[in-house]
Amino acid sequence: MPGPLVAVVTSPLSVEKLSAGVEAAARVIGEGCGALTSFVGVVRASHQGRRVRYLEYEAFVPLAEKVFRRIADEAGEDWPGTVLGIVHRTGRLEVGEASVVIVASGAHRASAFAACRYAIERVKQIAPVWKHEFFEDGDAWVEGATADPGDESAREEARRRACA
């Protein structure tokens, strides 16, 4: 049985599980599911010339899941018939592990690709998820979401990037 379409979890992520849930939800609306696209954010081995040992993600879970649902609703407004799933991992993640999985469905590939790209841009803008990077020579917090979810100019910027 597929899991929820939006979630914050501590366990390893599965693009297959989220894809199955999104596809099942999309099968019953509009023209149905003609395309599934996915984005998987993975912990890099280096950042700005520094070797990464591991990352730790923190989130305010109830608000993050509310924001993910908002992003899915926004994508549905911009690309009607789109179904979007977003799952973010928290806790310690090693290099190569997935931190976020996004799956978008659409009747056609163009809307699915655009909605998927839009979703990661909005996650970066407005989701209450914070990243602490641990390097060989120290550590640093990466600035998280800075935009107000209601800021239409931020949303327009995400739309522009999604359709670039």
C-alpha atoms as a PDB file:
ATOM      1  CA  MET A   1       0.000   0.000   0.000  1.00  0.00           C
ATOM      2  CA  PRO A   2       1.497   3.390  -0.938  1.00  0.00           C
ATOM      3  CA  GLY A   3       2.324   5.815   1.843  1.00  0.00           C
ATOM      4  CA  PRO A   4       1.204   9.429   2.212  1.00  0.00           C
ATOM      5  CA  LEU A   5       1.848  11.840  -0.626  1.00  0.00           C
ATOM      6  CA  VAL A   6       3.426  14.420   1.704  1.00  0.00           C
ATOM      7  CA  ALA A   7       5.529  13.503   4.703  1.00  0.00           C
ATOM      8  CA  VAL A   8       8.609  14.161   6.794  1.00  0.00           C
ATOM      9  CA  VAL A   9      10.291  10.902   7.770  1.00  0.00           C
ATOM     10  CA  THR A  10      13.436   9.627   9.459  1.00  0.00           C
ATOM     11  CA  SER A  11      13.751   6.438   7.404  1.00  0.00           C
ATOM     12  CA  PRO A  12      15.425   6.097   3.981  1.00  0.00           C
ATOM     13  CA  LEU A  13      13.376   7.438   1.076  1.00  0.00           C
ATOM     14  CA  SER A  14      11.866   5.467  -1.802  1.00  0.00           C
ATOM     15  CA  VAL A  15      11.049   7.082  -5.134  1.00  0.00           C
ATOM     16  CA  GLU A  16       9.230   3.879  -6.115  1.00  0.00           C
ATOM     17  CA  LYS A  17       6.846   4.012  -3.145  1.00  0.00           C
ATOM     18  CA  LEU A  18       6.030   7.693  -3.685  1.00  0.00           C
ATOM     19  CA  SER A  19       5.623   7.136  -7.447  1.00  0.00           C
ATOM     20  CA  ALA A  20       3.119   4.358  -6.807  1.00  0.00           C
ATOM     21  CA  GLY A  21       1.070   6.619  -4.524  1.00  0.00           C
ATOM     22  CA  VAL A  22       1.101   9.545  -6.937  1.00  0.00           C
ATOM     23  CA  GLU A  23       0.204   7.324  -9.884  1.00  0.00           C
ATOM     24  CA  ALA A  24      -2.706   5.748  -7.996  1.00  0.00           C
ATOM     25  CA  ALA A  25      -4.050   9.176  -7.010  1.00  0.00           C
ATOM     26  CA  ALA A  26      -3.656  10.529 -10.559  1.00  0.00           C
ATOM     27  CA  ARG A  27      -5.346   7.590 -12.238  1.00  0.00           C
ATOM     28  CA  VAL A  28      -8.793   8.803 -11.157  1.00  0.00           C
ATOM     29  CA  ILE A  29      -8.644  12.491 -12.122  1.00  0.00           C
ATOM     30  CA  GLY A  30      -8.825  14.452 -15.362  1.00  0.00           C
ATOM     31  CA  GLU A  31      -7.090  12.755 -18.261  1.00  0.00           C
ATOM     32  CA  GLY A  32      -5.331  10.420 -15.856  1.00  0.00           C
ATOM     33  CA  CYS A  33      -1.630   9.785 -15.582  1.00  0.00           C
ATOM     34  CA  GLY A  34       0.301  10.039 -18.843  1.00  0.00           C
ATOM     35  CA  ALA A  35       3.596  10.990 -17.222  1.00  0.00           C
ATOM     36  CA  LEU A  36       5.410  10.635 -13.918  1.00  0.00           C
ATOM     37  CA  THR A  37       8.497  12.701 -13.216  1.00  0.00           C
ATOM     38  CA  SER A  38      10.678  12.603 -10.149  1.00  0.00           C
ATOM     39  CA  PHE A  39      13.359  14.581  -8.409  1.00  0.00           C
ATOM     40  CA  VAL A  40      15.625  13.021  -5.816  1.00  0.00           C
ATOM     41  CA  GLY A  41      17.871  15.342  -3.810  1.00  0.00           C
ATOM     42  CA  VAL A  42      21.011  13.477  -2.720  1.00  0.00           C
ATOM     43  CA  VAL A  43      23.715  14.421  -0.183  1.00  0.00           C
ATOM     44  CA  ARG A  44      26.764  15.612  -2.132  1.00  0.00           C
ATOM     45  CA  ALA A  45      30.352  14.705  -1.237  1.00  0.00           C
ATOM     46  CA  SER A  46      31.456  18.337  -1.352  1.00  0.00           C
ATOM     47  CA  HIS A  47      29.976  21.798  -0.995  1.00  0.00           C
ATOM     48  CA  GLN A  48      31.765  24.990  -1.987  1.00  0.00           C
ATOM     49  CA  GLY A  49      35.121  23.223  -2.087  1.00  0.00           C
ATOM     50  CA  ARG A  50      34.727  21.562   1.322  1.00  0.00           C
ATOM     51  CA  ARG A  51      34.501  17.790   1.758  1.00  0.00           C
ATOM     52  CA  VAL A  52      31.176  16.798   3.370  1.00  0.00           C
ATOM     53  CA  ARG A  53      31.235  14.099   6.065  1.00  0.00           C
ATOM     54  CA  TYR A  54      27.456  13.988   6.619  1.00  0.00           C
ATOM     55  CA  LEU A  55      24.372  16.198   6.988  1.00  0.00           C
ATOM     56  CA  GLU A  56      21.689  16.538   9.632  1.00  0.00           C
ATOM     57  CA  TYR A  57      18.246  17.792   8.657  1.00  0.00           C
ATOM     58  CA  GLU A  58      15.706  19.199  11.082  1.00  0.00           C
ATOM     59  CA  ALA A  59      12.113  20.160  10.372  1.00  0.00           C
ATOM     60  CA  PHE A  60       9.043  21.452  12.130  1.00  0.00           C
ATOM     61  CA  VAL A  61       7.052  18.435  10.941  1.00  0.00           C
ATOM     62  CA  PRO A  62       3.411  19.602  11.197  1.00  0.00           C
ATOM     63  CA  LEU A  63       4.186  22.878   9.449  1.00  0.00           C
ATOM     64  CA  ALA A  64       6.470  21.251   6.859  1.00  0.00           C
ATOM     65  CA  GLU A  65       3.725  18.805   5.878  1.00  0.00           C
ATOM     66  CA  LYS A  66       1.220  21.678   5.696  1.00  0.00           C
ATOM     67  CA  VAL A  67       3.631  23.573   3.427  1.00  0.00           C
ATOM     68  CA  PHE A  68       4.116  20.487   1.220  1.00  0.00           C
ATOM     69  CA  ARG A  69       0.314  20.237   0.813  1.00  0.00           C
ATOM     70  CA  ARG A  70       0.230  23.948  -0.055  1.00  0.00           C
ATOM     71  CA  ILE A  71       2.904  23.421  -2.720  1.00  0.00           C
ATOM     72  CA  ALA A  72       0.900  20.504  -4.148  1.00  0.00           C
ATOM     73  CA  ASP A  73      -2.220  22.696  -4.243  1.00  0.00           C
ATOM     74  CA  GLU A  74      -0.306  25.511  -5.958  1.00  0.00           C
ATOM     75  CA  ALA A  75       1.030  23.090  -8.574  1.00  0.00           C
ATOM     76  CA  GLY A  76      -2.510  21.871  -9.173  1.00  0.00           C
ATOM     77  CA  GLU A  77      -3.633  25.460  -9.793  1.00  0.00           C
ATOM     78  CA  ASP A  78      -0.824  26.132 -12.273  1.00  0.00           C
ATOM     79  CA  TRP A  79      -0.911  22.719 -13.981  1.00  0.00           C
ATOM     80  CA  PRO A  80      -4.481  21.387 -13.631  1.00  0.00           C
ATOM     81  CA  GLY A  81      -4.718  17.641 -13.163  1.00  0.00           C
ATOM     82  CA  THR A  82      -1.285  17.442 -11.570  1.00  0.00           C
ATOM     83  CA  VAL A  83      -0.780  15.229  -8.544  1.00  0.00           C
ATOM     84  CA  LEU A  84       2.320  15.953  -6.484  1.00  0.00           C
ATOM     85  CA  GLY A  85       4.065  13.992  -3.759  1.00  0.00           C
ATOM     86  CA  ILE A  86       6.814  15.400  -1.525  1.00  0.00           C
ATOM     87  CA  VAL A  87       8.676  13.437   1.150  1.00  0.00           C
ATOM     88  CA  HIS A  88      11.642  14.911   3.048  1.00  0.00           C
ATOM     89  CA  ARG A  89      13.964  13.052   5.358  1.00  0.00           C
ATOM     90  CA  THR A  90      15.291  14.339   8.678  1.00  0.00           C
ATOM     91  CA  GLY A  91      18.098  13.172  10.928  1.00  0.00           C
ATOM     92  CA  ARG A  92      21.619  12.192   9.962  1.00  0.00           C
ATOM     93  CA  LEU A  93      22.220  11.476   6.284  1.00  0.00           C
ATOM     94  CA  GLU A  94      25.416  10.139   4.785  1.00  0.00           C
ATOM     95  CA  VAL A  95      26.901  11.157   1.437  1.00  0.00           C
ATOM     96  CA  GLY A  96      24.850   9.564  -1.343  1.00  0.00           C
ATOM     97  CA  GLU A  97      21.617   9.230   0.652  1.00  0.00           C
ATOM     98  CA  ALA A  98      18.403  10.864  -0.549  1.00  0.00           C
ATOM     99  CA  SER A  99      17.162  13.843   1.456  1.00  0.00           C
ATOM    100  CA  VAL A 100      14.047  14.710  -0.548  1.00  0.00           C
ATOM    101  CA  VAL A 101      11.916  12.911  -3.116  1.00  0.00           C
ATOM    102  CA  ILE A 102       9.349  14.680  -5.260  1.00  0.00           C
ATOM    103  CA  VAL A 103       7.090  12.940  -7.769  1.00  0.00           C
ATOM    104  CA  ALA A 104       4.690  14.741 -10.091  1.00  0.00           C
ATOM    105  CA  SER A 105       2.125  13.251 -12.398  1.00  0.00           C
ATOM    106  CA  GLY A 106       0.357  14.869 -15.273  1.00  0.00           C
ATOM    107  CA  ALA A 107      -1.650  13.929 -18.298  1.00  0.00           C
ATOM    108  CA  HIS A 108       1.403  14.970 -20.356  1.00  0.00           C
ATOM    109  CA  ARG A 109       5.142  15.193 -19.676  1.00  0.00           C
ATOM    110  CA  ALA A 110       5.430  18.989 -19.906  1.00  0.00           C
ATOM    111  CA  SER A 111       3.103  19.613 -16.970  1.00  0.00           C
ATOM    112  CA  ALA A 112       4.659  16.805 -14.913  1.00  0.00           C
ATOM    113  CA  PHE A 113       8.203  18.141 -15.450  1.00  0.00           C
ATOM    114  CA  ALA A 114       7.155  21.729 -14.684  1.00  0.00           C
ATOM    115  CA  ALA A 115       5.251  20.761 -11.528  1.00  0.00           C
ATOM    116  CA  CYS A 116       8.181  18.690 -10.249  1.00  0.00           C
ATOM    117  CA  ARG A 117      10.664  21.529 -10.795  1.00  0.00           C
ATOM    118  CA  TYR A 118       8.237  24.035  -9.278  1.00  0.00           C
ATOM    119  CA  ALA A 119       7.889  21.852  -6.184  1.00  0.00           C
ATOM    120  CA  ILE A 120      11.621  21.708  -5.382  1.00  0.00           C
ATOM    121  CA  GLU A 121      11.957  25.450  -5.942  1.00  0.00           C
ATOM    122  CA  ARG A 122       9.076  26.095  -3.507  1.00  0.00           C
ATOM    123  CA  VAL A 123      10.430  23.598  -0.963  1.00  0.00           C
ATOM    124  CA  LYS A 124      13.684  25.563  -0.945  1.00  0.00           C
ATOM    125  CA  GLN A 125      11.763  28.844  -0.622  1.00  0.00           C
ATOM    126  CA  ILE A 126       9.152  28.117   2.033  1.00  0.00           C
ATOM    127  CA  ALA A 127       9.524  24.721   3.782  1.00  0.00           C
ATOM    128  CA  PRO A 128      10.581  24.801   7.453  1.00  0.00           C
ATOM    129  CA  VAL A 129      13.442  22.335   6.923  1.00  0.00           C
ATOM    130  CA  TRP A 130      16.981  23.165   8.025  1.00  0.00           C
ATOM    131  CA  LYS A 131      20.277  21.594   6.966  1.00  0.00           C
ATOM    132  CA  HIS A 132      23.376  21.312   9.163  1.00  0.00           C
ATOM    133  CA  GLU A 133      26.449  20.341   7.139  1.00  0.00           C
ATOM    134  CA  PHE A 134      29.411  18.612   8.760  1.00  0.00           C
ATOM    135  CA  PHE A 135      32.740  18.954   6.948  1.00  0.00           C
ATOM    136  CA  GLU A 136      36.204  17.567   7.578  1.00  0.00           C
ATOM    137  CA  ASP A 137      37.209  21.018   8.876  1.00  0.00           C
ATOM    138  CA  GLY A 138      34.083  22.156  10.749  1.00  0.00           C
ATOM    139  CA  ASP A 139      30.356  22.570  10.316  1.00  0.00           C
ATOM    140  CA  ALA A 140      27.811  25.115   9.132  1.00  0.00           C
ATOM    141  CA  TRP A 141      24.067  25.641   9.085  1.00  0.00           C
ATOM    142  CA  VAL A 142      22.669  26.297   5.620  1.00  0.00           C
ATOM    143  CA  GLU A 143      20.078  29.032   5.518  1.00  0.00           C
ATOM    144  CA  GLY A 144      16.703  27.427   5.024  1.00  0.00           C
ATOM    145  CA  ALA A 145      13.424  28.812   3.775  1.00  0.00           C
ATOM    146  CA  THR A 146      13.355  32.587   3.678  1.00  0.00           C
ATOM    147  CA  ALA A 147      10.262  33.477   1.650  1.00  0.00           C
ATOM    148  CA  ASP A 148       6.812  34.111   3.054  1.00  0.00           C
ATOM    149  CA  PRO A 149       4.523  31.397   1.618  1.00  0.00           C
ATOM    150  CA  GLY A 150       2.066  34.124   0.590  1.00  0.00           C
ATOM    151  CA  ASP A 151       4.702  36.183  -1.247  1.00  0.00           C
ATOM    152  CA  GLU A 152       3.455  36.122  -4.837  1.00  0.00           C
ATOM    153  CA  SER A 153       6.804  37.333  -6.222  1.00  0.00           C
ATOM    154  CA  ALA A 154       8.559  34.290  -4.689  1.00  0.00           C
ATOM    155  CA  ARG A 155       5.915  32.018  -6.165  1.00  0.00           C
ATOM    156  CA  GLU A 156       6.347  33.695  -9.547  1.00  0.00           C
ATOM    157  CA  GLU A 157      10.114  33.126  -9.346  1.00  0.00           C
ATOM    158  CA  ALA A 158       9.516  29.407  -8.694  1.00  0.00           C
ATOM    159  CA  ARG A 159       7.101  29.326 -11.663  1.00  0.00           C
ATOM    160  CA  ARG A 160       9.686  31.040 -13.874  1.00  0.00           C
ATOM    161  CA  ARG A 161      12.382  28.519 -12.927  1.00  0.00           C
ATOM    162  CA  ALA A 162       9.984  25.603 -13.419  1.00  0.00           C
ATOM    163  CA  CYS A 163       9.206  26.718 -16.947  1.00  0.00           C
ATOM    164  CA  ALA A 164      12.716  27.810 -17.954  1.00  0.00           C
END
